[in-house]
Amino acid sequence: MTSIFTDKKYAPTAIDLKNALGNCYPIWKEIELYVKNAFQDASANWHYSGDKFGWSFRISDKKRVFIYLLPRAGFFKTAFVFGEKATQAVLKSEVADDIKTALTEAKVYAEGRGFRLSVSNASQLPDLKILINIKLTY
């Protein structure tokens, strides 16, 4: 599924995002602020990944991306890449079993296991914060 924003010439604005996400916009903003507060040197930028994927939002430092936020109509996806130490920390954590399953079933690349989670309501925030904390630690 492609980003809801696909025009290469037009990076999404906050208004575009709010209109696209609807009730999920405050959840997006909470995740964004959580990462920025946890890691003061984090920067957040829109990135165009090509016609196949459209625009995504990345929060990163100079070396790595902490989290990808992928806008969709009425919801969004988060994407993480975890190395082996981070993967083991997630499996030992209290995140939901379906997240652990998604992580263990993810294909392993040189940089780690990449997986996505659909976010449609605030009940998912505690698990997302655990994942963010693990990502920031490893």
C-alpha atoms as a PDB file:
ATOM      1  CA  MET A   1       0.000   0.000   0.000  1.00  0.00           C
ATOM      2  CA  THR A   2       1.377   3.372  -1.068  1.00  0.00           C
ATOM      3  CA  SER A   3       1.475   6.556   0.971  1.00  0.00           C
ATOM      4  CA  ILE A   4      -1.583   8.717   0.603  1.00  0.00           C
ATOM      5  CA  PHE A   5       0.846  11.431  -0.528  1.00  0.00           C
ATOM      6  CA  THR A   6       2.315  10.571  -3.922  1.00  0.00           C
ATOM      7  CA  ASP A   7       3.064  13.889  -5.665  1.00  0.00           C
ATOM      8  CA  LYS A   8       6.860  14.128  -5.752  1.00  0.00           C
ATOM      9  CA  LYS A   9       6.707  17.896  -6.251  1.00  0.00           C
ATOM     10  CA  TYR A  10       4.616  18.542  -3.134  1.00  0.00           C
ATOM     11  CA  ALA A  11       5.815  17.546   0.330  1.00  0.00           C
ATOM     12  CA  PRO A  12       2.885  17.109   2.715  1.00  0.00           C
ATOM     13  CA  THR A  13       2.059  19.920   5.128  1.00  0.00           C
ATOM     14  CA  ALA A  14       0.706  19.585   8.668  1.00  0.00           C
ATOM     15  CA  ILE A  15      -2.755  20.463   7.333  1.00  0.00           C
ATOM     16  CA  ASP A  16      -2.504  17.801   4.615  1.00  0.00           C
ATOM     17  CA  LEU A  17      -1.486  15.246   7.235  1.00  0.00           C
ATOM     18  CA  LYS A  18      -4.242  16.219   9.665  1.00  0.00           C
ATOM     19  CA  ASN A  19      -6.859  15.978   6.915  1.00  0.00           C
ATOM     20  CA  ALA A  20      -5.562  12.588   5.743  1.00  0.00           C
ATOM     21  CA  LEU A  21      -5.232  10.968   9.160  1.00  0.00           C
ATOM     22  CA  GLY A  22      -8.339  12.372  10.801  1.00  0.00           C
ATOM     23  CA  ASN A  23      -8.677  10.938  14.322  1.00  0.00           C
ATOM     24  CA  CYS A  24      -5.216   9.355  14.080  1.00  0.00           C
ATOM     25  CA  TYR A  25      -3.447  12.696  13.713  1.00  0.00           C
ATOM     26  CA  PRO A  26      -3.046  13.230  17.505  1.00  0.00           C
ATOM     27  CA  ILE A  27      -1.520   9.740  17.799  1.00  0.00           C
ATOM     28  CA  TRP A  28       1.004  10.569  15.052  1.00  0.00           C
ATOM     29  CA  LYS A  29       1.901  13.819  16.816  1.00  0.00           C
ATOM     30  CA  GLU A  30       2.292  12.064  20.170  1.00  0.00           C
ATOM     31  CA  ILE A  31       4.710   9.543  18.663  1.00  0.00           C
ATOM     32  CA  GLU A  32       6.655  12.297  16.929  1.00  0.00           C
ATOM     33  CA  LEU A  33       6.961  14.341  20.129  1.00  0.00           C
ATOM     34  CA  TYR A  34       7.800  11.266  22.204  1.00  0.00           C
ATOM     35  CA  VAL A  35      10.809  10.458  20.011  1.00  0.00           C
ATOM     36  CA  LYS A  36      11.951  14.081  19.878  1.00  0.00           C
ATOM     37  CA  ASN A  37      11.702  14.411  23.673  1.00  0.00           C
ATOM     38  CA  ALA A  38      13.513  11.119  24.258  1.00  0.00           C
ATOM     39  CA  PHE A  39      16.314  11.979  21.844  1.00  0.00           C
ATOM     40  CA  GLN A  40      16.985  15.700  21.735  1.00  0.00           C
ATOM     41  CA  ASP A  41      19.209  15.512  18.630  1.00  0.00           C
ATOM     42  CA  ALA A  42      16.530  13.823  16.536  1.00  0.00           C
ATOM     43  CA  SER A  43      15.429  15.475  13.333  1.00  0.00           C
ATOM     44  CA  ALA A  44      12.169  14.847  11.543  1.00  0.00           C
ATOM     45  CA  ASN A  45      11.796  15.093   7.783  1.00  0.00           C
ATOM     46  CA  TRP A  46       9.520  14.098   4.962  1.00  0.00           C
ATOM     47  CA  HIS A  47      11.221  11.800   2.456  1.00  0.00           C
ATOM     48  CA  TYR A  48      10.032  10.865  -1.017  1.00  0.00           C
ATOM     49  CA  SER A  49      10.826   7.196  -1.666  1.00  0.00           C
ATOM     50  CA  GLY A  50       9.731   7.021  -5.294  1.00  0.00           C
ATOM     51  CA  ASP A  51       6.512   6.515  -7.222  1.00  0.00           C
ATOM     52  CA  LYS A  52       5.936   3.081  -5.701  1.00  0.00           C
ATOM     53  CA  PHE A  53       5.958   4.345  -2.086  1.00  0.00           C
ATOM     54  CA  GLY A  54       5.329   8.104  -2.084  1.00  0.00           C
ATOM     55  CA  TRP A  55       6.109  10.303   0.918  1.00  0.00           C
ATOM     56  CA  SER A  56       7.081   8.998   4.356  1.00  0.00           C
ATOM     57  CA  PHE A  57       8.144  10.777   7.532  1.00  0.00           C
ATOM     58  CA  ARG A  58      11.424   9.842   9.178  1.00  0.00           C
ATOM     59  CA  ILE A  59      12.711  10.673  12.626  1.00  0.00           C
ATOM     60  CA  SER A  60      16.444  10.131  12.799  1.00  0.00           C
ATOM     61  CA  ASP A  61      19.831  11.319  13.924  1.00  0.00           C
ATOM     62  CA  LYS A  62      22.889  11.606  11.701  1.00  0.00           C
ATOM     63  CA  LYS A  63      23.536   7.845  11.758  1.00  0.00           C
ATOM     64  CA  ARG A  64      20.196   6.054  11.728  1.00  0.00           C
ATOM     65  CA  VAL A  65      16.443   6.294  11.403  1.00  0.00           C
ATOM     66  CA  PHE A  66      14.607   5.683  14.679  1.00  0.00           C
ATOM     67  CA  ILE A  67      11.135   5.338  13.219  1.00  0.00           C
ATOM     68  CA  TYR A  68       9.354   5.713   9.912  1.00  0.00           C
ATOM     69  CA  LEU A  69       5.802   7.063   9.894  1.00  0.00           C
ATOM     70  CA  LEU A  70       3.869   6.109   6.779  1.00  0.00           C
ATOM     71  CA  PRO A  71       0.608   8.052   6.198  1.00  0.00           C
ATOM     72  CA  ARG A  72      -2.471   6.305   4.889  1.00  0.00           C
ATOM     73  CA  ALA A  73      -6.121   7.364   4.593  1.00  0.00           C
ATOM     74  CA  GLY A  74      -7.489   7.487   8.155  1.00  0.00           C
ATOM     75  CA  PHE A  75      -4.539   5.689   9.750  1.00  0.00           C
ATOM     76  CA  PHE A  76      -0.796   5.313   9.458  1.00  0.00           C
ATOM     77  CA  LYS A  77       1.892   2.702   9.675  1.00  0.00           C
ATOM     78  CA  THR A  78       5.050   2.745  11.706  1.00  0.00           C
ATOM     79  CA  ALA A  79       8.145   0.983  10.477  1.00  0.00           C
ATOM     80  CA  PHE A  80      11.135  -0.075  12.535  1.00  0.00           C
ATOM     81  CA  VAL A  81      14.398  -1.840  11.810  1.00  0.00           C
ATOM     82  CA  PHE A  82      15.851  -3.757  14.747  1.00  0.00           C
ATOM     83  CA  GLY A  83      19.256  -5.371  14.983  1.00  0.00           C
ATOM     84  CA  GLU A  84      19.746  -8.608  16.918  1.00  0.00           C
ATOM     85  CA  LYS A  85      20.170  -7.013  20.373  1.00  0.00           C
ATOM     86  CA  ALA A  86      17.087  -4.864  19.887  1.00  0.00           C
ATOM     87  CA  THR A  87      15.138  -7.863  18.565  1.00  0.00           C
ATOM     88  CA  GLN A  88      15.968  -9.843  21.699  1.00  0.00           C
ATOM     89  CA  ALA A  89      14.950  -6.886  23.879  1.00  0.00           C
ATOM     90  CA  VAL A  90      11.574  -6.678  22.116  1.00  0.00           C
ATOM     91  CA  LEU A  91      10.989 -10.409  22.544  1.00  0.00           C
ATOM     92  CA  LYS A  92      11.691 -10.073  26.290  1.00  0.00           C
ATOM     93  CA  SER A  93       9.502  -6.983  26.630  1.00  0.00           C
ATOM     94  CA  GLU A  94       5.822  -6.673  27.438  1.00  0.00           C
ATOM     95  CA  VAL A  95       4.713  -5.660  23.935  1.00  0.00           C
ATOM     96  CA  ALA A  96       1.750  -7.498  22.446  1.00  0.00           C
ATOM     97  CA  ASP A  97       2.354 -10.991  21.116  1.00  0.00           C
ATOM     98  CA  ASP A  98       1.288  -9.993  17.588  1.00  0.00           C
ATOM     99  CA  ILE A  99       4.148  -7.461  17.516  1.00  0.00           C
ATOM    100  CA  LYS A 100       6.618 -10.128  18.620  1.00  0.00           C
ATOM    101  CA  THR A 101       5.278 -12.404  15.894  1.00  0.00           C
ATOM    102  CA  ALA A 102       5.613  -9.689  13.250  1.00  0.00           C
ATOM    103  CA  LEU A 103       9.189  -9.083  14.343  1.00  0.00           C
ATOM    104  CA  THR A 104      10.226 -12.752  14.369  1.00  0.00           C
ATOM    105  CA  GLU A 105       8.593 -13.334  10.973  1.00  0.00           C
ATOM    106  CA  ALA A 106      10.302 -10.301   9.415  1.00  0.00           C
ATOM    107  CA  LYS A 107      12.983 -10.970   6.845  1.00  0.00           C
ATOM    108  CA  VAL A 108      16.495 -10.474   8.202  1.00  0.00           C
ATOM    109  CA  TYR A 109      18.745  -8.041   6.332  1.00  0.00           C
ATOM    110  CA  ALA A 110      22.279  -6.863   7.097  1.00  0.00           C
ATOM    111  CA  GLU A 111      20.889  -3.868   9.000  1.00  0.00           C
ATOM    112  CA  GLY A 112      18.357  -5.975  10.916  1.00  0.00           C
ATOM    113  CA  ARG A 113      14.723  -6.992  10.817  1.00  0.00           C
ATOM    114  CA  GLY A 114      12.359  -4.482   9.293  1.00  0.00           C
ATOM    115  CA  PHE A 115       8.658  -4.612  10.071  1.00  0.00           C
ATOM    116  CA  ARG A 116       5.578  -2.398   9.962  1.00  0.00           C
ATOM    117  CA  LEU A 117       2.658  -1.914  12.287  1.00  0.00           C
ATOM    118  CA  SER A 118      -0.654  -0.309  11.381  1.00  0.00           C
ATOM    119  CA  VAL A 119      -1.757   2.347  13.869  1.00  0.00           C
ATOM    120  CA  SER A 120      -5.431   3.166  14.091  1.00  0.00           C
ATOM    121  CA  ASN A 121      -6.079   3.998  17.753  1.00  0.00           C
ATOM    122  CA  ALA A 122      -4.414   5.304  20.911  1.00  0.00           C
ATOM    123  CA  SER A 123      -4.484   1.913  22.643  1.00  0.00           C
ATOM    124  CA  GLN A 124      -1.378   1.041  20.622  1.00  0.00           C
ATOM    125  CA  LEU A 125       0.710   3.871  22.096  1.00  0.00           C
ATOM    126  CA  PRO A 126       2.145   1.956  25.089  1.00  0.00           C
ATOM    127  CA  ASP A 127       3.557  -0.768  22.824  1.00  0.00           C
ATOM    128  CA  LEU A 128       4.884   1.810  20.358  1.00  0.00           C
ATOM    129  CA  LYS A 129       6.635   3.670  23.168  1.00  0.00           C
ATOM    130  CA  ILE A 130       8.294   0.443  24.318  1.00  0.00           C
ATOM    131  CA  LEU A 131       9.506  -0.180  20.753  1.00  0.00           C
ATOM    132  CA  ILE A 132      10.791   3.388  20.488  1.00  0.00           C
ATOM    133  CA  ASN A 133      12.648   3.085  23.792  1.00  0.00           C
ATOM    134  CA  ILE A 134      14.274  -0.135  22.641  1.00  0.00           C
ATOM    135  CA  LYS A 135      15.224   1.424  19.304  1.00  0.00           C
ATOM    136  CA  LEU A 136      16.780   4.409  21.051  1.00  0.00           C
ATOM    137  CA  THR A 137      18.723   2.101  23.389  1.00  0.00           C
ATOM    138  CA  TYR A 138      20.151  -0.171  20.676  1.00  0.00           C
END
